[in-house]
Amino acid sequence: MQRHRKKRQSSSCESDVNSNEDPDKVTPTRFACPAEPPPAERLRNADRLSRRRRIQKIRDEIKRGVYETEEKLAIAIDRLLDVAGCRRNK
Protein backbone atom coordinates (compact mmCIF):
# COMPACT_ATOMS: atom_id res chain seq x y z
CA MET A 1 0.00 0.00 0.00
CA GLN A 2 1.40 3.35 -1.01
CA ARG A 3 1.08 6.32 1.30
CA HIS A 4 0.70 9.80 -0.07
CA ARG A 5 2.58 12.60 1.59
CA LYS A 6 0.39 15.34 2.85
CA LYS A 7 1.02 18.54 0.91
CA ARG A 8 2.87 21.02 3.07
CA GLN A 9 1.13 24.35 3.46
CA SER A 10 3.41 27.29 2.99
CA SER A 11 3.54 29.83 5.74
CA SER A 12 4.29 33.50 5.29
CA CYS A 13 7.91 32.74 6.22
CA GLU A 14 8.23 30.45 3.23
CA SER A 15 6.94 32.90 0.64
CA ASP A 16 10.38 33.23 -0.94
CA VAL A 17 10.76 29.52 -1.61
CA ASN A 18 10.44 28.50 -5.24
CA SER A 19 7.66 25.96 -5.66
CA ASN A 20 9.85 23.55 -7.64
CA GLU A 21 12.60 23.50 -5.02
CA ASP A 22 13.00 21.79 -1.71
CA PRO A 23 10.55 23.50 0.69
CA ASP A 24 13.27 23.86 3.32
CA LYS A 25 15.57 25.70 0.93
CA VAL A 26 15.28 29.48 0.71
CA THR A 27 16.58 31.56 -2.17
CA PRO A 28 19.81 33.29 -1.08
CA THR A 29 18.77 36.74 -2.29
CA ARG A 30 15.75 36.92 -0.01
CA PHE A 31 15.24 36.93 3.73
CA ALA A 32 14.02 33.69 5.20
CA CYS A 33 11.06 35.31 6.90
CA PRO A 34 9.29 38.63 6.32
CA ALA A 35 9.12 38.98 10.11
CA GLU A 36 12.87 39.65 10.02
CA PRO A 37 13.31 43.18 8.63
CA PRO A 38 16.20 44.05 6.33
CA PRO A 39 19.29 45.71 7.91
CA ALA A 40 18.25 49.25 6.95
CA GLU A 41 14.85 48.75 8.60
CA ARG A 42 16.48 47.35 11.76
CA LEU A 43 18.69 50.46 11.89
CA ARG A 44 15.68 52.76 11.54
CA ASN A 45 13.90 50.83 14.29
CA ALA A 46 16.95 51.16 16.55
CA ASP A 47 17.06 54.90 15.85
CA ARG A 48 13.36 55.20 16.73
CA LEU A 49 13.89 53.30 19.97
CA SER A 50 16.91 55.41 20.86
CA ARG A 51 14.93 58.60 20.17
CA ARG A 52 11.99 57.38 22.31
CA ARG A 53 14.35 56.60 25.20
CA ARG A 54 15.98 60.05 24.94
CA ILE A 55 12.60 61.78 24.87
CA GLN A 56 11.44 59.79 27.91
CA LYS A 57 14.65 60.66 29.77
CA ILE A 58 14.16 64.37 29.04
CA ARG A 59 10.50 64.21 30.12
CA ASP A 60 11.54 62.56 33.38
CA GLU A 61 14.19 65.25 33.98
CA ILE A 62 11.63 68.00 33.31
CA LYS A 63 9.22 66.40 35.82
CA ARG A 64 11.97 66.27 38.44
CA GLY A 65 12.96 69.86 37.67
CA VAL A 66 16.56 69.06 36.74
CA TYR A 67 16.45 69.42 32.96
CA GLU A 68 16.99 73.14 32.57
CA THR A 69 20.45 74.21 33.62
CA GLU A 70 22.20 77.56 33.21
CA GLU A 71 24.51 76.03 30.61
CA LYS A 72 21.63 74.60 28.55
CA LEU A 73 19.75 77.91 28.68
CA ALA A 74 22.85 79.83 27.56
CA ILE A 75 23.33 77.47 24.61
CA ALA A 76 19.66 77.78 23.63
CA ILE A 77 19.80 81.59 23.80
CA ASP A 78 22.98 81.66 21.69
CA ARG A 79 21.38 79.45 19.06
CA LEU A 80 18.23 81.55 19.03
CA LEU A 81 20.24 84.75 18.58
CA ASP A 82 22.25 83.12 15.76
CA VAL A 83 19.04 82.22 13.94
CA ALA A 84 17.68 85.77 14.49
CA GLY A 85 20.93 87.22 13.14
CA CYS A 86 22.00 88.76 16.43
CA ARG A 87 25.05 87.93 18.48
CA ARG A 88 25.08 88.10 22.23
CA ASN A 89 28.19 89.52 23.92
CA LYS A 90 29.91 86.84 25.89
C-alpha atoms as a PDB file:
ATOM      1  CA  MET A   1       0.000   0.000   0.000  1.00  0.00           C
ATOM      2  CA  GLN A   2       1.398   3.347  -1.010  1.00  0.00           C
ATOM      3  CA  ARG A   3       1.078   6.323   1.300  1.00  0.00           C
ATOM      4  CA  HIS A   4       0.702   9.801  -0.066  1.00  0.00           C
ATOM      5  CA  ARG A   5       2.577  12.598   1.588  1.00  0.00           C
ATOM      6  CA  LYS A   6       0.394  15.340   2.849  1.00  0.00           C
ATOM      7  CA  LYS A   7       1.023  18.536   0.909  1.00  0.00           C
ATOM      8  CA  ARG A   8       2.865  21.021   3.066  1.00  0.00           C
ATOM      9  CA  GLN A   9       1.135  24.351   3.461  1.00  0.00           C
ATOM     10  CA  SER A  10       3.409  27.287   2.986  1.00  0.00           C
ATOM     11  CA  SER A  11       3.538  29.834   5.745  1.00  0.00           C
ATOM     12  CA  SER A  12       4.294  33.501   5.291  1.00  0.00           C
ATOM     13  CA  CYS A  13       7.907  32.738   6.224  1.00  0.00           C
ATOM     14  CA  GLU A  14       8.226  30.454   3.229  1.00  0.00           C
ATOM     15  CA  SER A  15       6.943  32.901   0.638  1.00  0.00           C
ATOM     16  CA  ASP A  16      10.385  33.225  -0.943  1.00  0.00           C
ATOM     17  CA  VAL A  17      10.760  29.519  -1.611  1.00  0.00           C
ATOM     18  CA  ASN A  18      10.437  28.504  -5.244  1.00  0.00           C
ATOM     19  CA  SER A  19       7.662  25.959  -5.660  1.00  0.00           C
ATOM     20  CA  ASN A  20       9.846  23.548  -7.638  1.00  0.00           C
ATOM     21  CA  GLU A  21      12.604  23.496  -5.023  1.00  0.00           C
ATOM     22  CA  ASP A  22      12.998  21.786  -1.709  1.00  0.00           C
ATOM     23  CA  PRO A  23      10.545  23.501   0.693  1.00  0.00           C
ATOM     24  CA  ASP A  24      13.271  23.858   3.321  1.00  0.00           C
ATOM     25  CA  LYS A  25      15.567  25.702   0.934  1.00  0.00           C
ATOM     26  CA  VAL A  26      15.278  29.477   0.705  1.00  0.00           C
ATOM     27  CA  THR A  27      16.577  31.561  -2.171  1.00  0.00           C
ATOM     28  CA  PRO A  28      19.807  33.287  -1.078  1.00  0.00           C
ATOM     29  CA  THR A  29      18.770  36.743  -2.288  1.00  0.00           C
ATOM     30  CA  ARG A  30      15.751  36.918  -0.012  1.00  0.00           C
ATOM     31  CA  PHE A  31      15.236  36.934   3.727  1.00  0.00           C
ATOM     32  CA  ALA A  32      14.015  33.686   5.196  1.00  0.00           C
ATOM     33  CA  CYS A  33      11.062  35.314   6.896  1.00  0.00           C
ATOM     34  CA  PRO A  34       9.291  38.632   6.321  1.00  0.00           C
ATOM     35  CA  ALA A  35       9.116  38.979  10.109  1.00  0.00           C
ATOM     36  CA  GLU A  36      12.872  39.655  10.019  1.00  0.00           C
ATOM     37  CA  PRO A  37      13.305  43.179   8.628  1.00  0.00           C
ATOM     38  CA  PRO A  38      16.204  44.053   6.335  1.00  0.00           C
ATOM     39  CA  PRO A  39      19.288  45.705   7.909  1.00  0.00           C
ATOM     40  CA  ALA A  40      18.246  49.252   6.954  1.00  0.00           C
ATOM     41  CA  GLU A  41      14.853  48.749   8.599  1.00  0.00           C
ATOM     42  CA  ARG A  42      16.483  47.349  11.755  1.00  0.00           C
ATOM     43  CA  LEU A  43      18.689  50.460  11.893  1.00  0.00           C
ATOM     44  CA  ARG A  44      15.678  52.763  11.542  1.00  0.00           C
ATOM     45  CA  ASN A  45      13.898  50.830  14.290  1.00  0.00           C
ATOM     46  CA  ALA A  46      16.949  51.160  16.553  1.00  0.00           C
ATOM     47  CA  ASP A  47      17.057  54.905  15.846  1.00  0.00           C
ATOM     48  CA  ARG A  48      13.365  55.204  16.729  1.00  0.00           C
ATOM     49  CA  LEU A  49      13.892  53.298  19.966  1.00  0.00           C
ATOM     50  CA  SER A  50      16.912  55.412  20.858  1.00  0.00           C
ATOM     51  CA  ARG A  51      14.925  58.599  20.173  1.00  0.00           C
ATOM     52  CA  ARG A  52      11.995  57.384  22.305  1.00  0.00           C
ATOM     53  CA  ARG A  53      14.351  56.603  25.200  1.00  0.00           C
ATOM     54  CA  ARG A  54      15.981  60.052  24.940  1.00  0.00           C
ATOM     55  CA  ILE A  55      12.597  61.775  24.869  1.00  0.00           C
ATOM     56  CA  GLN A  56      11.443  59.793  27.905  1.00  0.00           C
ATOM     57  CA  LYS A  57      14.654  60.664  29.770  1.00  0.00           C
ATOM     58  CA  ILE A  58      14.155  64.375  29.040  1.00  0.00           C
ATOM     59  CA  ARG A  59      10.498  64.212  30.121  1.00  0.00           C
ATOM     60  CA  ASP A  60      11.541  62.555  33.385  1.00  0.00           C
ATOM     61  CA  GLU A  61      14.186  65.252  33.976  1.00  0.00           C
ATOM     62  CA  ILE A  62      11.634  68.000  33.313  1.00  0.00           C
ATOM     63  CA  LYS A  63       9.215  66.398  35.818  1.00  0.00           C
ATOM     64  CA  ARG A  64      11.969  66.266  38.440  1.00  0.00           C
ATOM     65  CA  GLY A  65      12.964  69.859  37.674  1.00  0.00           C
ATOM     66  CA  VAL A  66      16.562  69.058  36.742  1.00  0.00           C
ATOM     67  CA  TYR A  67      16.455  69.421  32.956  1.00  0.00           C
ATOM     68  CA  GLU A  68      16.986  73.144  32.568  1.00  0.00           C
ATOM     69  CA  THR A  69      20.454  74.207  33.621  1.00  0.00           C
ATOM     70  CA  GLU A  70      22.196  77.563  33.211  1.00  0.00           C
ATOM     71  CA  GLU A  71      24.507  76.027  30.606  1.00  0.00           C
ATOM     72  CA  LYS A  72      21.627  74.602  28.545  1.00  0.00           C
ATOM     73  CA  LEU A  73      19.748  77.907  28.684  1.00  0.00           C
ATOM     74  CA  ALA A  74      22.850  79.833  27.557  1.00  0.00           C
ATOM     75  CA  ILE A  75      23.328  77.468  24.614  1.00  0.00           C
ATOM     76  CA  ALA A  76      19.661  77.778  23.635  1.00  0.00           C
ATOM     77  CA  ILE A  77      19.796  81.588  23.801  1.00  0.00           C
ATOM     78  CA  ASP A  78      22.977  81.661  21.690  1.00  0.00           C
ATOM     79  CA  ARG A  79      21.375  79.448  19.064  1.00  0.00           C
ATOM     80  CA  LEU A  80      18.227  81.547  19.026  1.00  0.00           C
ATOM     81  CA  LEU A  81      20.238  84.746  18.577  1.00  0.00           C
ATOM     82  CA  ASP A  82      22.248  83.123  15.755  1.00  0.00           C
ATOM     83  CA  VAL A  83      19.040  82.221  13.941  1.00  0.00           C
ATOM     84  CA  ALA A  84      17.679  85.766  14.486  1.00  0.00           C
ATOM     85  CA  GLY A  85      20.929  87.221  13.143  1.00  0.00           C
ATOM     86  CA  CYS A  86      21.999  88.760  16.433  1.00  0.00           C
ATOM     87  CA  ARG A  87      25.047  87.931  18.484  1.00  0.00           C
ATOM     88  CA  ARG A  88      25.078  88.104  22.234  1.00  0.00           C
ATOM     89  CA  ASN A  89      28.195  89.516  23.922  1.00  0.00           C
ATOM     90  CA  LYS A  90      29.912  86.839  25.890  1.00  0.00           C
END
